[in-house]
Amino acid sequence: MSRLDDLPPDQHATLSLLLSQRKSYAEVAALLSISERAVHDRAQAALAVLAPQLARELTAERRAEVGNYLLGQQGSVAERVATRTYLEGSADARAWATAISAEILPMSSAPLPEIPRGPAPSAPDAAEASAGDQPADRQSSPAQSARSGRVHPAHGQPSSRRGGALLLAAIAAAVIVVVILIAGGGGGHSHATTTATGSSSAAATSTTAKATSTSGGPTEDERLTLTSPDPASKAAGVVEILSESGKHAFYLAAEHLPPSHGFFYAVWLYNSPSSHEALSKSPAVGSNGRLQGGALLPANAGNYHTMLLTRETSERPSSPGPVVLSGAFSLGH
C-alpha cells in the first residue's frame, strides 16, 4: 500500500489537484476557498511524511524548495536552475527527492521533473593529484577529462587538471551565490536590479550538447568551457547554457580565482569595445577561489559572441575591466 493512502484527506486532495490536474497553488486555493499559503503548507506536509526519515536530513526551507520543484510550482527558469544545482550537489536532497518522486509518480498526470545525477564518484583532489603525478604522455586526454567531469570534449578545452578536476571540485560543492545585475552597464543598455542564483562567464570552444528536454525542467543546450588569457593562470570555468519556454539561463562553475579583495568580479556579454553588455556582479570570492551560480540571460544575448569575467573596482562600470576568464559564447542557434 502506498504511503499516499495514509495521508489525511485534505493533504491527499491537495496533492491530487496539484499532480493529477496540474494546478498551481493559487488555483487550488481558489477551488478550496483557502489561502495559497495553506495549500503550500498542506502539500509540503504531505511530502515530508511520505519519506520522513530522509526528510529530517534537510532543513524546512530546502524541503520546501525541492517540494516546489517536484510539484512544478516554481515560476521561473532561474528558480529551477538553482534547485537542480542544489540537487546535483546534495546527496541527502537527491535521496529525499528520489523517494518522494517514487511515491507521487502514480498520482501525476505528467512526467515529474528530472532529479539530476550527483558528481562523479572519484574525489577531485585525488584525481588532480593522480593526473599531476603521471608523465605528460600518460595524462588524461581532454576528452577523457571531459567525460569524467560531464563536459563534452572539444579542441581547446582545459586539460584534465583544469577541466575534469575543476568540474568535479566546483560543481560538487554546489554553493549557490547571489548575484545582483549591474544597472546601467556598458553598450548603452541598462537592466533593473534583480536577484539571481550566481555569477559567471562563458565558453572557450562551443561544445554543443543538445540534451533531451524533460517535462518540468530546463533543457541543457550546451556545455562550454572558460579559460584565462594568462597562460600561467590556473583559473578556469565550465558553463551550462539552459533554456525553457523561450528563455535562456546560464550556470557557471569557476575555480582558482584570486580572492576578491578591493574589487569584485563581473560578467559581460561582449563583441567589441563599443558593443558589450554587463550581466552580473558577483559577491566576494574567498580564499578557496571558487565562484559558481547561474542567472537568466537577456533576450538579446544571441547577438553576442563572447562572455567575459572581469575584475572591477567601479560600482557602475561602463566597459569591461581586466579580463580574468573568457570564452566563445553561443546560444546554439
Protein backbone atom coordinates (compact mmCIF):
# COMPACT_ATOMS: atom_id res chain seq x y z
CA MET A 1 0.00 0.00 0.00
CA SER A 2 1.29 3.42 -0.95
CA ARG A 3 2.02 5.95 1.77
CA LEU A 4 -0.30 8.26 -0.18
CA ASP A 5 -3.21 6.24 1.15
CA ASP A 6 -2.24 7.11 4.72
CA LEU A 7 -2.28 10.87 4.16
CA PRO A 8 -5.02 12.96 5.82
CA PRO A 9 -7.84 13.66 3.34
CA ASP A 10 -7.02 17.37 2.99
CA GLN A 11 -3.36 16.65 2.15
CA HIS A 12 -4.28 13.84 -0.25
CA ALA A 13 -6.79 16.07 -2.04
CA THR A 14 -4.24 18.88 -2.31
CA LEU A 15 -1.62 16.63 -3.89
CA SER A 16 -4.23 15.21 -6.25
CA LEU A 17 -5.17 18.65 -7.54
CA LEU A 18 -1.52 19.66 -7.92
CA LEU A 19 -0.37 16.45 -9.61
CA SER A 20 -3.37 14.86 -11.32
CA GLN A 21 -4.87 18.10 -12.55
CA ARG A 22 -1.56 20.05 -12.74
CA LYS A 23 -2.99 23.08 -10.97
CA SER A 24 -0.99 25.83 -9.30
CA TYR A 25 -1.07 26.68 -5.60
CA ALA A 26 -3.19 29.73 -6.43
CA GLU A 27 -5.71 27.70 -8.45
CA VAL A 28 -6.07 25.10 -5.71
CA ALA A 29 -6.51 27.86 -3.13
CA ALA A 30 -9.38 29.32 -5.19
CA LEU A 31 -11.01 25.90 -5.57
CA LEU A 32 -10.81 25.10 -1.86
CA SER A 33 -11.53 28.66 -0.65
CA ILE A 34 -8.37 28.70 1.47
CA SER A 35 -5.20 30.76 1.32
CA GLU A 36 -2.42 29.97 -1.10
CA ARG A 37 -0.10 29.57 1.88
CA ALA A 38 -2.40 26.93 3.35
CA VAL A 39 -2.24 24.97 0.08
CA HIS A 40 1.54 25.22 0.11
CA ASP A 41 1.74 24.04 3.73
CA ARG A 42 -0.60 21.09 3.15
CA ALA A 43 1.41 19.95 0.12
CA GLN A 44 4.75 20.30 1.90
CA ALA A 45 3.48 18.48 4.99
CA ALA A 46 2.28 15.63 2.79
CA LEU A 47 5.65 15.32 1.04
CA ALA A 48 7.51 15.34 4.36
CA VAL A 49 5.57 12.35 5.71
CA LEU A 50 5.95 10.34 2.50
CA ALA A 51 9.65 9.85 3.33
CA PRO A 52 10.00 11.13 6.90
CA GLN A 53 13.44 9.76 7.76
CA LEU A 54 15.06 11.25 4.67
CA ALA A 55 13.11 14.49 5.13
CA ARG A 56 14.77 15.06 8.50
CA GLU A 57 18.15 15.35 6.77
CA LEU A 58 17.06 18.60 5.10
CA THR A 59 16.07 21.95 6.53
CA ALA A 60 12.45 23.04 6.16
CA GLU A 61 13.50 25.65 3.61
CA ARG A 62 15.33 23.12 1.47
CA ARG A 63 12.45 20.63 1.69
CA ALA A 64 10.08 23.34 0.51
CA GLU A 65 12.38 24.24 -2.37
CA VAL A 66 12.71 20.64 -3.56
CA GLY A 67 9.00 20.05 -2.98
CA ASN A 68 8.06 23.05 -5.11
CA TYR A 69 10.40 21.76 -7.83
CA LEU A 70 8.86 18.27 -7.86
CA LEU A 71 5.31 19.65 -7.82
CA GLY A 72 6.01 22.03 -10.71
CA GLN A 73 5.36 25.10 -8.58
CA GLN A 74 8.49 27.13 -9.39
CA GLY A 75 7.67 30.06 -11.61
CA SER A 76 10.99 30.85 -13.28
CA VAL A 77 13.89 29.18 -15.03
CA ALA A 78 16.27 30.74 -12.51
CA GLU A 79 14.49 29.01 -9.60
CA ARG A 80 14.65 25.66 -11.35
CA VAL A 81 18.31 26.10 -12.24
CA ALA A 82 19.06 26.84 -8.58
CA THR A 83 17.20 23.77 -7.36
CA ARG A 84 18.74 21.46 -9.97
CA THR A 85 22.17 22.73 -8.92
CA TYR A 86 21.37 22.12 -5.26
CA LEU A 87 20.21 18.58 -6.05
CA GLU A 88 23.39 17.90 -8.02
CA GLY A 89 25.49 18.79 -5.02
CA SER A 90 23.45 17.30 -2.15
CA ALA A 91 23.22 13.53 -1.77
CA ASP A 92 20.65 13.94 1.03
CA ALA A 93 18.42 16.12 -1.16
CA ARG A 94 18.68 13.70 -4.09
CA ALA A 95 17.79 10.76 -1.85
CA TRP A 96 14.70 12.53 -0.49
CA ALA A 97 13.64 13.78 -3.93
CA THR A 98 14.02 10.28 -5.38
CA ALA A 99 11.94 8.72 -2.61
CA ILE A 100 9.23 11.37 -2.96
CA SER A 101 9.14 11.00 -6.76
CA ALA A 102 8.54 7.27 -6.42
CA GLU A 103 5.63 7.91 -4.07
CA ILE A 104 3.87 10.63 -6.04
CA LEU A 105 4.52 9.42 -9.59
CA PRO A 106 1.37 7.22 -9.71
CA MET A 107 -0.72 10.29 -8.89
CA SER A 108 0.88 12.54 -11.51
CA SER A 109 -0.69 13.01 -14.92
CA ALA A 110 2.64 14.08 -16.45
CA PRO A 111 6.31 13.12 -16.02
CA LEU A 112 7.90 14.60 -12.93
CA PRO A 113 10.88 16.98 -13.16
CA GLU A 114 14.25 15.30 -13.56
CA ILE A 115 16.37 14.62 -10.49
CA PRO A 116 19.94 15.41 -11.60
CA ARG A 117 22.72 12.94 -11.01
CA GLY A 118 25.36 13.83 -8.48
CA PRO A 119 29.05 14.50 -9.14
CA ALA A 120 31.32 11.71 -10.34
CA PRO A 121 32.35 9.38 -7.50
CA SER A 122 36.09 9.95 -7.71
CA ALA A 123 37.46 12.62 -5.38
CA PRO A 124 38.58 15.72 -7.30
CA ASP A 125 41.71 16.26 -5.22
CA ALA A 126 42.80 12.69 -5.73
CA ALA A 127 42.06 12.91 -9.44
CA GLU A 128 44.11 16.08 -9.76
CA ALA A 129 46.99 14.64 -7.78
CA SER A 130 46.94 11.49 -9.86
CA ALA A 131 46.99 13.46 -13.09
CA GLY A 132 49.83 15.59 -11.79
CA ASP A 133 51.91 12.53 -10.90
CA GLN A 134 51.62 10.96 -14.35
CA PRO A 135 54.12 11.58 -17.13
CA ALA A 136 52.90 14.09 -19.69
CA ASP A 137 52.31 11.45 -22.36
CA ARG A 138 50.15 9.39 -19.99
CA GLN A 139 47.93 12.10 -18.59
CA SER A 140 44.23 12.02 -19.39
CA SER A 141 43.23 13.41 -22.74
CA PRO A 142 40.85 16.40 -22.88
CA ALA A 143 38.08 14.04 -23.99
CA GLN A 144 38.70 11.72 -21.03
CA SER A 145 38.74 14.57 -18.54
CA ALA A 146 35.62 15.97 -20.15
CA ARG A 147 33.79 12.70 -19.69
CA SER A 148 34.87 12.43 -16.07
CA GLY A 149 33.52 15.93 -15.42
CA ARG A 150 30.46 15.57 -17.63
CA VAL A 151 31.84 18.11 -20.09
CA HIS A 152 31.67 17.35 -23.78
CA PRO A 153 35.13 17.11 -25.38
CA ALA A 154 36.34 19.81 -27.71
CA HIS A 155 39.60 21.17 -29.01
CA GLY A 156 40.97 23.91 -26.78
CA GLN A 157 39.36 22.78 -23.53
CA PRO A 158 41.33 22.89 -20.30
CA SER A 159 43.47 19.86 -19.55
CA SER A 160 42.25 17.09 -17.26
CA ARG A 161 43.57 19.05 -14.29
CA ARG A 162 41.68 22.17 -15.32
CA GLY A 163 38.64 20.53 -16.92
CA GLY A 164 37.64 17.31 -15.18
CA ALA A 165 39.04 18.21 -11.76
CA LEU A 166 37.54 21.69 -11.99
CA LEU A 167 34.03 20.46 -12.65
CA LEU A 168 34.24 17.77 -10.01
CA ALA A 169 35.54 20.18 -7.40
CA ALA A 170 33.40 23.19 -8.21
CA ILE A 171 30.05 21.70 -9.09
CA ALA A 172 30.25 19.08 -6.33
CA ALA A 173 30.33 21.94 -3.84
CA ALA A 174 27.05 23.31 -5.28
CA VAL A 175 27.32 26.62 -3.46
CA ILE A 176 24.65 28.94 -4.84
CA VAL A 177 25.70 32.56 -4.60
CA VAL A 178 23.56 35.66 -5.00
CA VAL A 179 24.20 37.94 -7.95
CA ILE A 180 22.89 41.44 -8.41
CA LEU A 181 22.60 42.60 -12.03
CA ILE A 182 24.59 45.75 -12.71
CA ALA A 183 22.27 48.61 -13.58
CA GLY A 184 23.41 50.97 -16.31
CA GLY A 185 26.06 48.66 -17.75
CA GLY A 186 28.06 49.03 -20.94
CA GLY A 187 26.86 49.18 -24.51
CA GLY A 188 24.17 51.70 -23.71
CA HIS A 189 21.91 49.06 -22.14
CA SER A 190 20.61 49.05 -18.60
CA HIS A 191 18.85 46.43 -16.51
CA ALA A 192 16.63 46.62 -13.49
CA THR A 193 18.24 45.26 -10.37
CA THR A 194 17.15 41.66 -9.80
CA THR A 195 18.21 38.66 -7.80
CA ALA A 196 19.60 35.57 -9.46
CA THR A 197 21.41 32.45 -8.38
CA GLY A 198 25.02 33.12 -9.16
CA SER A 199 27.73 34.80 -11.18
CA SER A 200 29.89 33.84 -14.10
CA SER A 201 31.37 33.83 -17.52
CA ALA A 202 31.15 31.74 -20.65
CA ALA A 203 32.85 29.49 -23.02
CA ALA A 204 36.07 28.64 -24.63
CA THR A 205 35.20 26.37 -27.51
CA SER A 206 31.50 25.97 -28.30
CA THR A 207 30.88 22.32 -27.43
CA THR A 208 27.25 21.83 -28.24
CA ALA A 209 25.48 19.23 -26.16
CA LYS A 210 21.89 19.01 -27.25
CA ALA A 211 20.09 17.45 -24.33
CA THR A 212 16.73 15.76 -24.23
CA SER A 213 14.06 18.03 -22.84
CA THR A 214 12.38 16.74 -19.71
CA SER A 215 8.96 17.85 -18.61
CA GLY A 216 9.03 20.37 -15.81
CA GLY A 217 12.68 21.31 -16.19
CA PRO A 218 15.02 23.30 -18.42
CA THR A 219 16.87 21.81 -21.40
CA GLU A 220 20.65 21.83 -21.43
CA ASP A 221 21.57 23.30 -24.82
CA GLU A 222 25.33 23.49 -24.46
CA ARG A 223 28.22 22.76 -22.10
CA LEU A 224 31.08 25.22 -22.56
CA THR A 225 34.48 25.98 -21.07
CA LEU A 226 36.27 29.16 -19.99
CA THR A 227 39.98 29.86 -19.96
CA SER A 228 42.27 32.59 -18.73
CA PRO A 229 44.14 34.87 -21.16
CA ASP A 230 47.18 34.41 -18.89
CA PRO A 231 48.93 31.11 -19.74
CA ALA A 232 50.37 30.96 -16.22
CA SER A 233 46.95 31.20 -14.54
CA LYS A 234 45.17 28.09 -13.26
CA ALA A 235 41.80 29.84 -13.34
CA ALA A 236 39.22 28.05 -15.49
CA GLY A 237 35.48 27.54 -15.68
CA VAL A 238 32.66 25.47 -17.11
CA VAL A 239 29.30 26.88 -18.23
CA GLU A 240 25.95 25.23 -18.93
CA ILE A 241 23.51 27.04 -21.22
CA LEU A 242 19.93 26.12 -20.33
CA SER A 243 16.64 27.01 -21.97
CA GLU A 244 12.96 26.76 -21.16
CA SER A 245 9.85 28.41 -22.59
CA GLY A 246 11.87 30.65 -24.88
CA LYS A 247 14.13 31.92 -22.08
CA HIS A 248 17.81 31.15 -21.61
CA ALA A 249 19.90 30.89 -18.46
CA PHE A 250 23.50 30.02 -17.71
CA TYR A 251 25.25 28.26 -14.85
CA LEU A 252 28.96 28.72 -14.21
CA ALA A 253 31.44 26.85 -12.05
CA ALA A 254 34.87 28.53 -11.86
CA GLU A 255 37.93 27.74 -9.78
CA HIS A 256 41.39 29.06 -8.89
CA LEU A 257 40.23 32.68 -8.95
CA PRO A 258 42.18 35.24 -6.92
CA PRO A 259 40.24 36.29 -3.78
CA SER A 260 38.33 39.49 -4.49
CA HIS A 261 39.96 41.93 -2.06
CA GLY A 262 39.36 45.54 -3.12
CA PHE A 263 37.48 44.55 -6.30
CA PHE A 264 34.61 42.38 -7.49
CA TYR A 265 34.07 40.03 -10.40
CA ALA A 266 31.60 41.00 -13.12
CA VAL A 267 30.17 39.15 -16.11
CA TRP A 268 29.77 40.66 -19.55
CA LEU A 269 28.50 39.70 -22.97
CA TYR A 270 30.98 41.17 -25.42
CA ASN A 271 31.61 41.79 -29.12
CA SER A 272 33.92 44.80 -29.22
CA PRO A 273 34.91 47.91 -27.20
CA SER A 274 31.75 49.58 -28.48
CA SER A 275 29.41 46.57 -28.22
CA HIS A 276 29.07 44.96 -24.81
CA GLU A 277 26.54 44.45 -22.06
CA ALA A 278 27.00 43.98 -18.32
CA LEU A 279 25.23 40.95 -16.86
CA SER A 280 26.08 40.46 -13.24
CA LYS A 281 28.13 41.44 -10.23
CA SER A 282 29.50 38.72 -8.00
CA PRO A 283 29.73 38.64 -4.23
CA ALA A 284 33.20 38.31 -2.78
CA VAL A 285 35.28 35.29 -3.75
CA GLY A 286 37.07 33.86 -0.75
CA SER A 287 40.34 32.05 -0.21
CA ASN A 288 39.04 28.85 -1.86
CA GLY A 289 38.97 30.72 -5.17
CA ARG A 290 35.61 29.30 -6.21
CA LEU A 291 32.72 31.04 -7.86
CA GLN A 292 29.54 29.39 -9.13
CA GLY A 293 25.92 30.05 -9.81
CA GLY A 294 23.51 30.92 -12.57
CA ALA A 295 21.23 33.65 -13.87
CA LEU A 296 18.88 34.40 -16.72
CA LEU A 297 20.33 35.70 -19.96
CA PRO A 298 18.84 38.82 -21.61
CA ALA A 299 16.65 38.47 -24.69
CA ASN A 300 19.39 39.88 -26.93
CA ALA A 301 22.10 37.50 -25.68
CA GLY A 302 22.27 35.77 -29.06
CA ASN A 303 23.72 38.96 -30.56
CA TYR A 304 26.99 38.45 -28.65
CA HIS A 305 29.81 36.01 -29.34
CA THR A 306 32.00 36.29 -26.22
CA MET A 307 31.44 36.17 -22.48
CA LEU A 308 33.90 37.75 -20.06
CA LEU A 309 34.57 37.50 -16.35
CA THR A 310 36.39 40.68 -15.33
CA ARG A 311 37.83 42.46 -12.30
CA GLU A 312 36.03 45.71 -11.49
CA THR A 313 36.62 48.48 -8.96
CA SER A 314 33.91 50.89 -10.11
CA GLU A 315 30.43 50.10 -8.81
CA ARG A 316 28.91 51.03 -12.19
CA PRO A 317 31.48 50.17 -14.84
CA SER A 318 30.72 51.42 -18.35
CA SER A 319 33.11 48.99 -20.03
CA PRO A 320 34.79 45.70 -19.09
CA GLY A 321 37.78 45.81 -16.76
CA PRO A 322 40.76 43.40 -16.83
CA VAL A 323 39.68 40.02 -18.20
CA VAL A 324 40.06 37.04 -15.85
CA LEU A 325 38.22 34.40 -17.89
CA SER A 326 36.72 34.46 -21.36
CA GLY A 327 35.29 32.18 -23.99
CA ALA A 328 33.26 31.96 -27.17
CA PHE A 329 29.59 32.42 -26.34
CA SER A 330 26.70 30.90 -28.28
CA LEU A 331 23.06 30.06 -27.66
CA GLY A 332 23.40 27.10 -30.01
CA HIS A 333 21.29 28.52 -32.80
